[in-house]
Every structure is written in structure tokens, then in C-alpha cells.
């Protein structure tokens, strides 16, 4: 178990580092030439760069235009989307606000006014962990459920409203099923979707996404849930049009190269930009960072990351946040 715990901590630490520095521009952030195609890792157009020829999206699910960029012709098929920053030029029009471009729509968004803090929990158990053998998987699942129950009790003690994004397979998991029932019975918890098996929407094909949406609909009907919120595993946003067509109107993940530290209303859906991740090794830094944020904030955590860790720092951080910010409505 020690070996698996070290692997899990290494994985969480590496993911946090990558999420923090967002190195994609170092790998693929070149000024595109006419006919340029965005490929692996995603890509972006630098400030004041221009594309006068065709711009096509190939991989993965996003392309980002920074402030002052210009693009005359863009094709956004299938699972892809383009995020356009403020004060750019797209298709001979000036973009003044955050904009999403899909295959069939161009949606201009507006930053929502200060909404206080939204706290979300990704309940994923061992679906995102490195486990070998059924016995090890069950042990991680039991420990993740135990951590989640304690975290739930902290939220209850503090009177916090939260969104729990649940991996669909956990509703029938023998270690997690009772926990899922407990959080569904809590009126201060909104249940959201975290895919059926923690799939990466960057890598998924259309059939996999269709099956995942069917699983979400099954969970809705089985447990009489509205379930209009979805958090993309790994924050890998993709197939946005399909997702909102299947009833999801509040999405959480990254847009392009970085995370938007606020919530943007795109009309057809809200995009909850992730402000901070509360993990065992980031909670102190996150607490300091949040104290300087004046507007709305979206923070999230994984109970599985807290296996074997002291939860007091998390409790103290949440107590501090409660005293500093107004709690946002779900």
C-alpha cells in the first residue's frame, strides 16, 4: 500500500505542477502560418499574431487566441472548440469579450459578477489512481470513501453548499454506493457528473461520448436528479456542443492554455473557471492566494488525494474562506 500511496502522491504532484505552469505554449505556441493546423497538446496564437489563410483544428479539443490576435477564416469541427480572448479579431468582427467558437455557433460570454466561493468535490475513488489487483483497488476505494465522509462532515459543520461531481460507476460500487446515497440526501449538495469512468474528453471519440451521455441520463432517471453540472476529468474540455445538448448547463474545466479564475456566462451554459485546487500539498498556498482574490472563486478537491493525510489544514482553510467570502449559490 505504501508503494501505491507514493505513486498516487507523485501523480497528484506532477498533475498540479503541470496545471500550475501550463507549459503548452512552450511546446506548441508558435505563430501559425496560413493553413496552420493545431495538433497535440493544443495551441494558441500569440498576442498580435495574424492568420489570413485557413485555420483548422486537429488535436486536441481547443485552440486559443490571445488579446490582439487576428483570424479571418476558422473551421471548428466535431469535438473541438476555439476560445477567443478579449480584444481580438475573428471572421472580420471584433471580439470584445470571452468567446467560444464551435462548429455551429459563436457564443460571446460575459464575466459573472462576484459570486463568492463555489466549492466542488470530484468523487472519483480509485478510477484515477494507480492500483494493482482487486484487493488493492477495494482498499483504496474504502479509504477514499472514508476520507469523503470526513470531508462531507466538515462541510456540514461549516454550513457550506457544495457541488459533488461523481464518477457514474461509483453509484453502484460496493464501497461507494452508500456514500453516494448519503450525499444525495444532503440538501446542501448539488450532484454533478464526472463521466461514467473518468474518461478524458481530449482522447474520447464520438461513440465514447455518446455512451457517456447515455450513462448520465440513466443516472438522472434512476435517482431523480437534475444533474446539470459537469466537471471534465483532467479539466480536459471537449465535445462542448454535445455536452450542453444533453442537459449540462454548468461546465468546469480549463479553457485553452490556462484556467479562467472566474465564472463566464455564455448564454447556453456557465463556464466555471477553476481558480484553485485544494490538495494536501497546496492547501496552505491556496489559502494565501484566495485571501487576495476579490471576485468570485471556484475551488475543487479530490477526497482520494487526502488518503493518509491530516484533514485539519483543509478544515482551517475552509473556516477561513467562510469567514472571508460570501458563499455562492449553486
C-alpha atoms as a PDB file:
ATOM      1  CA  UNK A   1       0.000   0.000   0.000  1.00  0.00           C
ATOM      2  CA  UNK A   2       2.957   2.338   0.697  1.00  0.00           C
ATOM      3  CA  UNK A   3       4.124   1.826  -2.875  1.00  0.00           C
ATOM      4  CA  UNK A   4       0.707   2.733  -4.273  1.00  0.00           C
ATOM      5  CA  UNK A   5       0.471   5.732  -1.949  1.00  0.00           C
ATOM      6  CA  UNK A   6       3.790   7.089  -3.218  1.00  0.00           C
ATOM      7  CA  UNK A   7       2.706   6.601  -6.820  1.00  0.00           C
ATOM      8  CA  UNK A   8      -0.546   8.398  -6.129  1.00  0.00           C
ATOM      9  CA  UNK A   9       1.241  11.326  -4.475  1.00  0.00           C
ATOM     10  CA  UNK A  10       3.725  11.520  -7.359  1.00  0.00           C
ATOM     11  CA  UNK A  11       0.850  11.552  -9.843  1.00  0.00           C
ATOM     12  CA  UNK A  12      -1.037  14.265  -7.944  1.00  0.00           C
ATOM     13  CA  UNK A  13       2.116  16.362  -7.534  1.00  0.00           C
ATOM     14  CA  UNK A  14       3.022  16.088 -11.224  1.00  0.00           C
ATOM     15  CA  UNK A  15      -0.507  16.979 -12.288  1.00  0.00           C
ATOM     16  CA  UNK A  16      -0.531  20.005 -10.006  1.00  0.00           C
ATOM     17  CA  UNK A  17       2.833  21.188 -11.391  1.00  0.00           C
ATOM     18  CA  UNK A  18       1.624  20.906 -14.982  1.00  0.00           C
ATOM     19  CA  UNK A  19      -1.656  22.606 -14.140  1.00  0.00           C
ATOM     20  CA  UNK A  20       0.255  25.410 -12.451  1.00  0.00           C
ATOM     21  CA  UNK A  21       2.821  26.222 -15.144  1.00  0.00           C
ATOM     22  CA  UNK A  22       0.638  25.226 -18.139  1.00  0.00           C
ATOM     23  CA  UNK A  23       3.688  24.603 -20.392  1.00  0.00           C
ATOM     24  CA  UNK A  24       1.748  24.110 -23.633  1.00  0.00           C
ATOM     25  CA  UNK A  25       2.859  27.402 -25.136  1.00  0.00           C
ATOM     26  CA  UNK A  26       6.476  26.283 -24.769  1.00  0.00           C
ATOM     27  CA  UNK A  27       5.715  23.147 -26.780  1.00  0.00           C
ATOM     28  CA  UNK A  28       3.349  24.300 -29.479  1.00  0.00           C
ATOM     29  CA  UNK A  29       2.753  28.027 -29.127  1.00  0.00           C
ATOM     30  CA  UNK A  30       4.213  29.041 -32.478  1.00  0.00           C
ATOM     31  CA  UNK A  31       2.951  31.857 -34.639  1.00  0.00           C
ATOM     32  CA  UNK A  32       0.868  29.970 -37.211  1.00  0.00           C
ATOM     33  CA  UNK A  33       1.187  30.305 -40.961  1.00  0.00           C
ATOM     34  CA  UNK A  34      -1.761  30.166 -43.398  1.00  0.00           C
ATOM     35  CA  UNK A  35      -3.282  26.704 -43.310  1.00  0.00           C
ATOM     36  CA  UNK A  36      -1.825  26.018 -39.884  1.00  0.00           C
ATOM     37  CA  UNK A  37      -3.389  23.088 -38.005  1.00  0.00           C
ATOM     38  CA  UNK A  38      -3.414  22.847 -34.215  1.00  0.00           C
ATOM     39  CA  UNK A  39      -2.146  19.430 -33.157  1.00  0.00           C
ATOM     40  CA  UNK A  40      -1.239  17.552 -29.988  1.00  0.00           C
ATOM     41  CA  UNK A  41      -1.326  19.475 -26.676  1.00  0.00           C
ATOM     42  CA  UNK A  42      -3.482  22.221 -28.203  1.00  0.00           C
ATOM     43  CA  UNK A  43      -2.084  25.522 -29.340  1.00  0.00           C
ATOM     44  CA  UNK A  44      -2.520  29.247 -29.214  1.00  0.00           C
ATOM     45  CA  UNK A  45      -1.953  32.354 -31.270  1.00  0.00           C
ATOM     46  CA  UNK A  46       0.365  34.823 -29.612  1.00  0.00           C
ATOM     47  CA  UNK A  47      -0.515  38.430 -28.986  1.00  0.00           C
ATOM     48  CA  UNK A  48      -0.913  40.403 -32.237  1.00  0.00           C
ATOM     49  CA  UNK A  49      -0.263  37.378 -34.461  1.00  0.00           C
ATOM     50  CA  UNK A  50      -2.474  37.024 -37.529  1.00  0.00           C
ATOM     51  CA  UNK A  51      -3.779  34.189 -39.703  1.00  0.00           C
ATOM     52  CA  UNK A  52      -5.099  35.255 -43.108  1.00  0.00           C
ATOM     53  CA  UNK A  53      -5.400  31.763 -44.536  1.00  0.00           C
ATOM     54  CA  UNK A  54      -7.420  28.781 -43.271  1.00  0.00           C
ATOM     55  CA  UNK A  55      -7.039  27.728 -39.646  1.00  0.00           C
ATOM     56  CA  UNK A  56      -8.127  24.153 -38.917  1.00  0.00           C
ATOM     57  CA  UNK A  57      -8.369  22.315 -35.607  1.00  0.00           C
ATOM     58  CA  UNK A  58      -7.000  18.784 -35.457  1.00  0.00           C
ATOM     59  CA  UNK A  59      -5.987  17.928 -31.864  1.00  0.00           C
ATOM     60  CA  UNK A  60      -6.939  18.184 -29.128  1.00  0.00           C
ATOM     61  CA  UNK A  61     -10.161  19.972 -28.212  1.00  0.00           C
ATOM     62  CA  UNK A  62      -9.194  23.609 -28.047  1.00  0.00           C
ATOM     63  CA  UNK A  63      -7.427  26.450 -29.757  1.00  0.00           C
ATOM     64  CA  UNK A  64      -6.842  29.760 -28.067  1.00  0.00           C
ATOM     65  CA  UNK A  65      -6.476  33.268 -29.453  1.00  0.00           C
ATOM     66  CA  UNK A  66      -4.860  35.795 -27.156  1.00  0.00           C
ATOM     67  CA  UNK A  67      -5.529  39.502 -26.905  1.00  0.00           C
ATOM     68  CA  UNK A  68      -4.898  41.362 -30.161  1.00  0.00           C
ATOM     69  CA  UNK A  69      -4.806  38.269 -32.405  1.00  0.00           C
ATOM     70  CA  UNK A  70      -6.495  38.168 -35.822  1.00  0.00           C
ATOM     71  CA  UNK A  71      -8.053  35.258 -37.691  1.00  0.00           C
ATOM     72  CA  UNK A  72     -10.061  35.619 -40.910  1.00  0.00           C
ATOM     73  CA  UNK A  73     -11.125  32.025 -41.511  1.00  0.00           C
ATOM     74  CA  UNK A  74     -11.518  29.227 -38.980  1.00  0.00           C
ATOM     75  CA  UNK A  75     -13.047  25.761 -39.130  1.00  0.00           C
ATOM     76  CA  UNK A  76     -14.020  24.119 -35.817  1.00  0.00           C
ATOM     77  CA  UNK A  77     -15.321  20.571 -36.369  1.00  0.00           C
ATOM     78  CA  UNK A  78     -16.555  17.851 -34.063  1.00  0.00           C
ATOM     79  CA  UNK A  79     -15.228  17.738 -30.530  1.00  0.00           C
ATOM     80  CA  UNK A  80     -13.160  20.882 -30.878  1.00  0.00           C
ATOM     81  CA  UNK A  81     -13.719  24.446 -29.795  1.00  0.00           C
ATOM     82  CA  UNK A  82     -11.817  27.701 -30.045  1.00  0.00           C
ATOM     83  CA  UNK A  83     -11.548  30.078 -27.114  1.00  0.00           C
ATOM     84  CA  UNK A  84     -11.040  33.690 -28.145  1.00  0.00           C
ATOM     85  CA  UNK A  85      -9.721  36.183 -25.612  1.00  0.00           C
ATOM     86  CA  UNK A  86     -10.695  39.797 -25.324  1.00  0.00           C
ATOM     87  CA  UNK A  87      -9.946  42.416 -27.991  1.00  0.00           C
ATOM     88  CA  UNK A  88      -9.196  40.007 -30.841  1.00  0.00           C
ATOM     89  CA  UNK A  89     -10.407  39.921 -34.445  1.00  0.00           C
ATOM     90  CA  UNK A  90     -12.316  36.888 -35.703  1.00  0.00           C
ATOM     91  CA  UNK A  91     -14.021  36.482 -39.070  1.00  0.00           C
ATOM     92  CA  UNK A  92     -13.868  40.255 -39.711  1.00  0.00           C
ATOM     93  CA  UNK A  93     -15.527  41.016 -36.366  1.00  0.00           C
ATOM     94  CA  UNK A  94     -14.022  42.468 -33.229  1.00  0.00           C
ATOM     95  CA  UNK A  95     -14.273  40.269 -30.143  1.00  0.00           C
ATOM     96  CA  UNK A  96     -14.564  42.380 -27.016  1.00  0.00           C
ATOM     97  CA  UNK A  97     -15.312  39.636 -24.511  1.00  0.00           C
ATOM     98  CA  UNK A  98     -14.660  35.947 -23.891  1.00  0.00           C
ATOM     99  CA  UNK A  99     -15.921  33.969 -26.877  1.00  0.00           C
ATOM    100  CA  UNK A 100     -16.330  30.277 -27.671  1.00  0.00           C
ATOM    101  CA  UNK A 101     -16.405  29.149 -31.305  1.00  0.00           C
ATOM    102  CA  UNK A 102     -17.979  25.782 -32.145  1.00  0.00           C
ATOM    103  CA  UNK A 103     -18.925  24.047 -35.356  1.00  0.00           C
ATOM    104  CA  UNK A 104     -22.376  25.601 -35.334  1.00  0.00           C
ATOM    105  CA  UNK A 105     -22.188  28.664 -33.110  1.00  0.00           C
ATOM    106  CA  UNK A 106     -20.176  31.649 -31.922  1.00  0.00           C
ATOM    107  CA  UNK A 107     -21.034  32.445 -28.292  1.00  0.00           C
ATOM    108  CA  UNK A 108     -19.889  35.634 -26.621  1.00  0.00           C
ATOM    109  CA  UNK A 109     -19.682  35.414 -22.848  1.00  0.00           C
ATOM    110  CA  UNK A 110     -19.584  37.851 -20.001  1.00  0.00           C
ATOM    111  CA  UNK A 111     -17.858  37.536 -16.677  1.00  0.00           C
ATOM    112  CA  UNK A 112     -20.374  36.966 -13.929  1.00  0.00           C
ATOM    113  CA  UNK A 113     -20.396  39.462 -11.056  1.00  0.00           C
ATOM    114  CA  UNK A 114     -18.714  38.460  -7.814  1.00  0.00           C
ATOM    115  CA  UNK A 115     -20.393  35.245  -6.661  1.00  0.00           C
ATOM    116  CA  UNK A 116     -18.374  34.422  -3.584  1.00  0.00           C
ATOM    117  CA  UNK A 117     -16.880  30.950  -3.382  1.00  0.00           C
ATOM    118  CA  UNK A 118     -18.072  27.772  -5.040  1.00  0.00           C
ATOM    119  CA  UNK A 119     -16.572  24.607  -3.610  1.00  0.00           C
ATOM    120  CA  UNK A 120     -16.678  21.413  -5.640  1.00  0.00           C
ATOM    121  CA  UNK A 121     -15.580  17.860  -4.889  1.00  0.00           C
ATOM    122  CA  UNK A 122     -14.532  15.365  -7.546  1.00  0.00           C
ATOM    123  CA  UNK A 123     -15.657  11.997  -6.203  1.00  0.00           C
ATOM    124  CA  UNK A 124     -13.664   9.590  -8.335  1.00  0.00           C
ATOM    125  CA  UNK A 125     -12.315   6.994  -5.923  1.00  0.00           C
ATOM    126  CA  UNK A 126      -9.737   4.714  -7.492  1.00  0.00           C
ATOM    127  CA  UNK A 127     -10.821   5.426 -11.083  1.00  0.00           C
ATOM    128  CA  UNK A 128      -7.982   7.954 -11.368  1.00  0.00           C
ATOM    129  CA  UNK A 129      -5.466   6.078  -9.188  1.00  0.00           C
ATOM    130  CA  UNK A 130      -2.747   3.555  -9.915  1.00  0.00           C
ATOM    131  CA  UNK A 131      -3.932   0.270  -8.362  1.00  0.00           C
ATOM    132  CA  UNK A 132      -2.853  -3.322  -8.937  1.00  0.00           C
ATOM    133  CA  UNK A 133      -5.269  -6.132  -8.148  1.00  0.00           C
ATOM    134  CA  UNK A 134      -8.808  -6.167  -6.874  1.00  0.00           C
ATOM    135  CA  UNK A 135      -7.793  -6.210  -3.197  1.00  0.00           C
ATOM    136  CA  UNK A 136      -5.715  -3.048  -3.624  1.00  0.00           C
ATOM    137  CA  UNK A 137      -8.499  -1.357  -5.552  1.00  0.00           C
ATOM    138  CA  UNK A 138     -11.033  -2.124  -2.833  1.00  0.00           C
ATOM    139  CA  UNK A 139      -8.672  -0.815  -0.157  1.00  0.00           C
ATOM    140  CA  UNK A 140      -8.195   2.490  -1.983  1.00  0.00           C
ATOM    141  CA  UNK A 141     -11.947   2.686  -2.553  1.00  0.00           C
ATOM    142  CA  UNK A 142     -12.702   2.141   1.149  1.00  0.00           C
ATOM    143  CA  UNK A 143     -10.142   4.723   2.210  1.00  0.00           C
ATOM    144  CA  UNK A 144     -11.388   7.226  -0.380  1.00  0.00           C
ATOM    145  CA  UNK A 145     -14.950   6.756   0.887  1.00  0.00           C
ATOM    146  CA  UNK A 146     -13.804   7.278   4.477  1.00  0.00           C
ATOM    147  CA  UNK A 147     -11.967  10.485   3.539  1.00  0.00           C
ATOM    148  CA  UNK A 148     -15.008  11.711   1.610  1.00  0.00           C
ATOM    149  CA  UNK A 149     -17.272  11.157   4.624  1.00  0.00           C
ATOM    150  CA  UNK A 150     -14.992  13.196   6.860  1.00  0.00           C
ATOM    151  CA  UNK A 151     -14.793  15.977   4.252  1.00  0.00           C
ATOM    152  CA  UNK A 152     -18.583  15.888   3.971  1.00  0.00           C
ATOM    153  CA  UNK A 153     -18.871  16.288   7.747  1.00  0.00           C
ATOM    154  CA  UNK A 154     -16.549  19.315   7.599  1.00  0.00           C
ATOM    155  CA  UNK A 155     -18.815  20.941   5.014  1.00  0.00           C
ATOM    156  CA  UNK A 156     -21.837  20.172   7.197  1.00  0.00           C
ATOM    157  CA  UNK A 157     -20.188  21.647  10.299  1.00  0.00           C
ATOM    158  CA  UNK A 158     -19.380  24.839   8.389  1.00  0.00           C
ATOM    159  CA  UNK A 159     -22.748  25.029   6.647  1.00  0.00           C
ATOM    160  CA  UNK A 160     -21.162  25.146   3.181  1.00  0.00           C
ATOM    161  CA  UNK A 161     -23.085  24.466  -0.018  1.00  0.00           C
ATOM    162  CA  UNK A 162     -21.030  22.302  -2.382  1.00  0.00           C
ATOM    163  CA  UNK A 163     -21.169  20.556  -5.747  1.00  0.00           C
ATOM    164  CA  UNK A 164     -20.036  16.926  -5.802  1.00  0.00           C
ATOM    165  CA  UNK A 165     -19.046  15.715  -9.263  1.00  0.00           C
ATOM    166  CA  UNK A 166     -19.450  11.937  -9.117  1.00  0.00           C
ATOM    167  CA  UNK A 167     -17.999   9.299 -11.433  1.00  0.00           C
ATOM    168  CA  UNK A 168     -21.065   7.341 -12.568  1.00  0.00           C
ATOM    169  CA  UNK A 169     -19.695   3.863 -11.854  1.00  0.00           C
ATOM    170  CA  UNK A 170     -19.438   4.739  -8.143  1.00  0.00           C
ATOM    171  CA  UNK A 171     -23.227   4.816  -7.744  1.00  0.00           C
ATOM    172  CA  UNK A 172     -23.143   1.002  -7.920  1.00  0.00           C
ATOM    173  CA  UNK A 173     -19.719   0.414  -6.360  1.00  0.00           C
ATOM    174  CA  UNK A 174     -19.945  -1.663  -3.164  1.00  0.00           C
ATOM    175  CA  UNK A 175     -17.570   0.629  -1.271  1.00  0.00           C
ATOM    176  CA  UNK A 176     -19.008   3.903  -2.589  1.00  0.00           C
ATOM    177  CA  UNK A 177     -22.724   3.273  -3.091  1.00  0.00           C
ATOM    178  CA  UNK A 178     -23.770   4.133   0.467  1.00  0.00           C
ATOM    179  CA  UNK A 179     -21.640   7.294   0.368  1.00  0.00           C
ATOM    180  CA  UNK A 180     -23.351   8.373  -2.856  1.00  0.00           C
ATOM    181  CA  UNK A 181     -26.725   7.868  -1.175  1.00  0.00           C
ATOM    182  CA  UNK A 182     -25.617   9.971   1.793  1.00  0.00           C
ATOM    183  CA  UNK A 183     -24.538  12.948  -0.276  1.00  0.00           C
ATOM    184  CA  UNK A 184     -27.654  12.715  -2.470  1.00  0.00           C
ATOM    185  CA  UNK A 185     -29.746  13.076   0.710  1.00  0.00           C
ATOM    186  CA  UNK A 186     -27.924  16.274   1.740  1.00  0.00           C
ATOM    187  CA  UNK A 187     -29.935  19.335   0.583  1.00  0.00           C
ATOM    188  CA  UNK A 188     -26.753  21.450   0.607  1.00  0.00           C
ATOM    189  CA  UNK A 189     -25.111  19.271  -2.050  1.00  0.00           C
ATOM    190  CA  UNK A 190     -25.658  19.508  -5.785  1.00  0.00           C
ATOM    191  CA  UNK A 191     -24.772  16.309  -7.659  1.00  0.00           C
ATOM    192  CA  UNK A 192     -22.765  16.820 -10.831  1.00  0.00           C
ATOM    193  CA  UNK A 193     -21.358  14.475 -13.479  1.00  0.00           C
ATOM    194  CA  UNK A 194     -17.686  13.459 -13.721  1.00  0.00           C
ATOM    195  CA  UNK A 195     -18.211  10.958 -16.582  1.00  0.00           C
ATOM    196  CA  UNK A 196     -19.051   7.289 -16.154  1.00  0.00           C
ATOM    197  CA  UNK A 197     -15.477   6.022 -15.814  1.00  0.00           C
ATOM    198  CA  UNK A 198     -13.345   9.158 -15.514  1.00  0.00           C
ATOM    199  CA  UNK A 199     -12.675   9.357 -19.252  1.00  0.00           C
ATOM    200  CA  UNK A 200     -10.569  12.046 -20.874  1.00  0.00           C
ATOM    201  CA  UNK A 201     -12.660  14.020 -23.360  1.00  0.00           C
ATOM    202  CA  UNK A 202      -9.498  15.005 -25.261  1.00  0.00           C
ATOM    203  CA  UNK A 203      -8.931  11.355 -26.146  1.00  0.00           C
ATOM    204  CA  UNK A 204     -12.528  10.149 -26.412  1.00  0.00           C
ATOM    205  CA  UNK A 205     -14.201   9.500 -29.763  1.00  0.00           C
ATOM    206  CA  UNK A 206     -17.803  10.362 -30.608  1.00  0.00           C
ATOM    207  CA  UNK A 207     -19.111   6.902 -29.695  1.00  0.00           C
ATOM    208  CA  UNK A 208     -17.490   7.059 -26.250  1.00  0.00           C
ATOM    209  CA  UNK A 209     -19.012  10.480 -25.608  1.00  0.00           C
ATOM    210  CA  UNK A 210     -22.434   9.274 -26.751  1.00  0.00           C
ATOM    211  CA  UNK A 211     -22.236   6.303 -24.355  1.00  0.00           C
ATOM    212  CA  UNK A 212     -21.117   8.590 -21.546  1.00  0.00           C
ATOM    213  CA  UNK A 213     -24.064  10.929 -22.089  1.00  0.00           C
ATOM    214  CA  UNK A 214     -26.420   7.924 -22.107  1.00  0.00           C
ATOM    215  CA  UNK A 215     -24.952   6.813 -18.764  1.00  0.00           C
ATOM    216  CA  UNK A 216     -25.517  10.304 -17.351  1.00  0.00           C
ATOM    217  CA  UNK A 217     -29.146  10.193 -18.451  1.00  0.00           C
ATOM    218  CA  UNK A 218     -29.561   6.770 -16.822  1.00  0.00           C
ATOM    219  CA  UNK A 219     -28.237   8.123 -13.511  1.00  0.00           C
ATOM    220  CA  UNK A 220     -30.564  11.129 -13.753  1.00  0.00           C
ATOM    221  CA  UNK A 221     -33.643   8.955 -14.152  1.00  0.00           C
ATOM    222  CA  UNK A 222     -32.613   6.254 -11.678  1.00  0.00           C
ATOM    223  CA  UNK A 223     -32.015   8.703  -8.821  1.00  0.00           C
ATOM    224  CA  UNK A 224     -34.363  11.535  -9.891  1.00  0.00           C
ATOM    225  CA  UNK A 225     -31.502  14.021 -10.239  1.00  0.00           C
ATOM    226  CA  UNK A 226     -31.490  17.226 -12.262  1.00  0.00           C
ATOM    227  CA  UNK A 227     -27.695  16.926 -12.700  1.00  0.00           C
ATOM    228  CA  UNK A 228     -26.989  19.913 -14.931  1.00  0.00           C
ATOM    229  CA  UNK A 229     -23.351  20.390 -13.856  1.00  0.00           C
ATOM    230  CA  UNK A 230     -20.356  18.551 -15.338  1.00  0.00           C
ATOM    231  CA  UNK A 231     -16.660  18.656 -14.433  1.00  0.00           C
ATOM    232  CA  UNK A 232     -14.376  17.302 -17.149  1.00  0.00           C
ATOM    233  CA  UNK A 233     -11.802  14.799 -15.815  1.00  0.00           C
ATOM    234  CA  UNK A 234      -8.291  16.255 -16.022  1.00  0.00           C
ATOM    235  CA  UNK A 235     -10.088  19.559 -16.799  1.00  0.00           C
ATOM    236  CA  UNK A 236      -9.917  18.399 -20.433  1.00  0.00           C
ATOM    237  CA  UNK A 237     -12.854  20.201 -22.040  1.00  0.00           C
ATOM    238  CA  UNK A 238     -14.204  18.689 -25.262  1.00  0.00           C
ATOM    239  CA  UNK A 239     -17.404  17.971 -27.177  1.00  0.00           C
ATOM    240  CA  UNK A 240     -18.979  21.038 -25.566  1.00  0.00           C
ATOM    241  CA  UNK A 241     -21.888  21.198 -28.007  1.00  0.00           C
ATOM    242  CA  UNK A 242     -22.773  17.551 -27.346  1.00  0.00           C
ATOM    243  CA  UNK A 243     -22.497  18.047 -23.596  1.00  0.00           C
ATOM    244  CA  UNK A 244     -24.815  21.060 -23.450  1.00  0.00           C
ATOM    245  CA  UNK A 245     -27.235  19.354 -25.867  1.00  0.00           C
ATOM    246  CA  UNK A 246     -27.547  16.589 -23.269  1.00  0.00           C
ATOM    247  CA  UNK A 247     -28.716  18.887 -20.500  1.00  0.00           C
ATOM    248  CA  UNK A 248     -25.494  20.167 -18.922  1.00  0.00           C
ATOM    249  CA  UNK A 249     -25.572  23.921 -18.428  1.00  0.00           C
ATOM    250  CA  UNK A 250     -22.722  24.383 -15.933  1.00  0.00           C
ATOM    251  CA  UNK A 251     -19.268  23.193 -17.017  1.00  0.00           C
ATOM    252  CA  UNK A 252     -15.966  23.152 -15.146  1.00  0.00           C
ATOM    253  CA  UNK A 253     -12.524  22.749 -16.679  1.00  0.00           C
ATOM    254  CA  UNK A 254      -9.751  24.673 -18.402  1.00  0.00           C
ATOM    255  CA  UNK A 255     -10.188  26.926 -21.414  1.00  0.00           C
ATOM    256  CA  UNK A 256      -7.168  26.649 -23.640  1.00  0.00           C
ATOM    257  CA  UNK A 257      -3.775  27.298 -22.127  1.00  0.00           C
ATOM    258  CA  UNK A 258      -4.904  28.442 -18.729  1.00  0.00           C
ATOM    259  CA  UNK A 259      -7.741  28.383 -16.225  1.00  0.00           C
ATOM    260  CA  UNK A 260     -10.118  31.328 -16.111  1.00  0.00           C
ATOM    261  CA  UNK A 261     -10.198  32.394 -12.441  1.00  0.00           C
ATOM    262  CA  UNK A 262     -13.877  33.312 -12.592  1.00  0.00           C
ATOM    263  CA  UNK A 263     -17.229  32.227 -13.997  1.00  0.00           C
ATOM    264  CA  UNK A 264     -18.252  33.203 -17.537  1.00  0.00           C
ATOM    265  CA  UNK A 265     -21.851  33.173 -18.750  1.00  0.00           C
ATOM    266  CA  UNK A 266     -22.004  32.083 -22.395  1.00  0.00           C
ATOM    267  CA  UNK A 267     -25.786  32.170 -22.511  1.00  0.00           C
ATOM    268  CA  UNK A 268     -26.286  28.493 -23.328  1.00  0.00           C
ATOM    269  CA  UNK A 269     -24.115  27.489 -20.375  1.00  0.00           C
ATOM    270  CA  UNK A 270     -21.994  28.773 -17.489  1.00  0.00           C
ATOM    271  CA  UNK A 271     -18.287  28.053 -17.607  1.00  0.00           C
ATOM    272  CA  UNK A 272     -16.904  27.747 -14.084  1.00  0.00           C
ATOM    273  CA  UNK A 273     -13.232  28.520 -14.437  1.00  0.00           C
ATOM    274  CA  UNK A 274     -11.179  26.683 -11.842  1.00  0.00           C
ATOM    275  CA  UNK A 275      -9.469  29.117  -9.500  1.00  0.00           C
ATOM    276  CA  UNK A 276      -7.564  26.772  -7.197  1.00  0.00           C
ATOM    277  CA  UNK A 277      -7.053  23.122  -6.317  1.00  0.00           C
ATOM    278  CA  UNK A 278      -7.105  22.242  -2.601  1.00  0.00           C
ATOM    279  CA  UNK A 279      -4.789  19.302  -2.098  1.00  0.00           C
ATOM    280  CA  UNK A 280      -2.627  18.183   0.839  1.00  0.00           C
ATOM    281  CA  UNK A 281       0.439  19.897  -0.636  1.00  0.00           C
ATOM    282  CA  UNK A 282      -1.325  23.004  -1.977  1.00  0.00           C
ATOM    283  CA  UNK A 283      -3.845  23.926   0.699  1.00  0.00           C
ATOM    284  CA  UNK A 284      -1.584  26.428   2.501  1.00  0.00           C
ATOM    285  CA  UNK A 285      -0.586  28.221  -0.711  1.00  0.00           C
ATOM    286  CA  UNK A 286      -4.193  28.158  -1.928  1.00  0.00           C
ATOM    287  CA  UNK A 287      -5.388  29.695   1.311  1.00  0.00           C
ATOM    288  CA  UNK A 288      -2.927  32.578   0.916  1.00  0.00           C
ATOM    289  CA  UNK A 289      -3.856  33.068  -2.738  1.00  0.00           C
ATOM    290  CA  UNK A 290      -7.595  33.095  -2.061  1.00  0.00           C
ATOM    291  CA  UNK A 291      -7.191  35.780   0.580  1.00  0.00           C
ATOM    292  CA  UNK A 292      -6.084  38.146  -2.209  1.00  0.00           C
ATOM    293  CA  UNK A 293      -8.924  37.345  -4.616  1.00  0.00           C
ATOM    294  CA  UNK A 294     -11.654  39.966  -4.615  1.00  0.00           C
ATOM    295  CA  UNK A 295     -14.185  38.439  -7.017  1.00  0.00           C
ATOM    296  CA  UNK A 296     -15.793  35.031  -7.419  1.00  0.00           C
ATOM    297  CA  UNK A 297     -13.718  31.904  -6.913  1.00  0.00           C
ATOM    298  CA  UNK A 298     -14.169  28.258  -7.898  1.00  0.00           C
ATOM    299  CA  UNK A 299     -12.093  25.784  -5.879  1.00  0.00           C
ATOM    300  CA  UNK A 300     -12.080  21.994  -6.009  1.00  0.00           C
ATOM    301  CA  UNK A 301     -10.597  18.978  -4.255  1.00  0.00           C
ATOM    302  CA  UNK A 302     -10.372  15.174  -4.519  1.00  0.00           C
ATOM    303  CA  UNK A 303     -11.069  13.085  -1.395  1.00  0.00           C
ATOM    304  CA  UNK A 304      -8.792  10.331  -2.760  1.00  0.00           C
ATOM    305  CA  UNK A 305      -5.829  12.747  -2.632  1.00  0.00           C
ATOM    306  CA  UNK A 306      -6.318  13.114   1.138  1.00  0.00           C
ATOM    307  CA  UNK A 307      -5.860   9.413   1.943  1.00  0.00           C
ATOM    308  CA  UNK A 308      -3.357   9.167   4.797  1.00  0.00           C
ATOM    309  CA  UNK A 309      -3.201  12.965   5.200  1.00  0.00           C
ATOM    310  CA  UNK A 310      -4.211  15.229   8.070  1.00  0.00           C
ATOM    311  CA  UNK A 311      -7.501  16.971   7.209  1.00  0.00           C
ATOM    312  CA  UNK A 312      -7.086  19.754   9.763  1.00  0.00           C
ATOM    313  CA  UNK A 313      -5.376  22.114   7.256  1.00  0.00           C
ATOM    314  CA  UNK A 314      -8.332  21.664   4.913  1.00  0.00           C
ATOM    315  CA  UNK A 315     -10.789  22.409   7.719  1.00  0.00           C
ATOM    316  CA  UNK A 316      -8.841  25.525   8.751  1.00  0.00           C
ATOM    317  CA  UNK A 317      -8.702  26.750   5.147  1.00  0.00           C
ATOM    318  CA  UNK A 318     -12.453  26.293   4.706  1.00  0.00           C
ATOM    319  CA  UNK A 319     -13.123  28.027   8.015  1.00  0.00           C
ATOM    320  CA  UNK A 320     -11.013  30.959   6.844  1.00  0.00           C
ATOM    321  CA  UNK A 321     -12.776  31.066   3.483  1.00  0.00           C
ATOM    322  CA  UNK A 322     -16.181  31.012   5.123  1.00  0.00           C
ATOM    323  CA  UNK A 323     -15.232  33.997   7.254  1.00  0.00           C
ATOM    324  CA  UNK A 324     -13.772  35.945   4.327  1.00  0.00           C
ATOM    325  CA  UNK A 325     -16.197  35.322   1.463  1.00  0.00           C
ATOM    326  CA  UNK A 326     -19.922  35.008   0.957  1.00  0.00           C
ATOM    327  CA  UNK A 327     -20.877  31.510  -0.088  1.00  0.00           C
ATOM    328  CA  UNK A 328     -22.149  31.422  -3.689  1.00  0.00           C
ATOM    329  CA  UNK A 329     -25.405  29.780  -4.604  1.00  0.00           C
ATOM    330  CA  UNK A 330     -25.012  26.531  -6.536  1.00  0.00           C
END
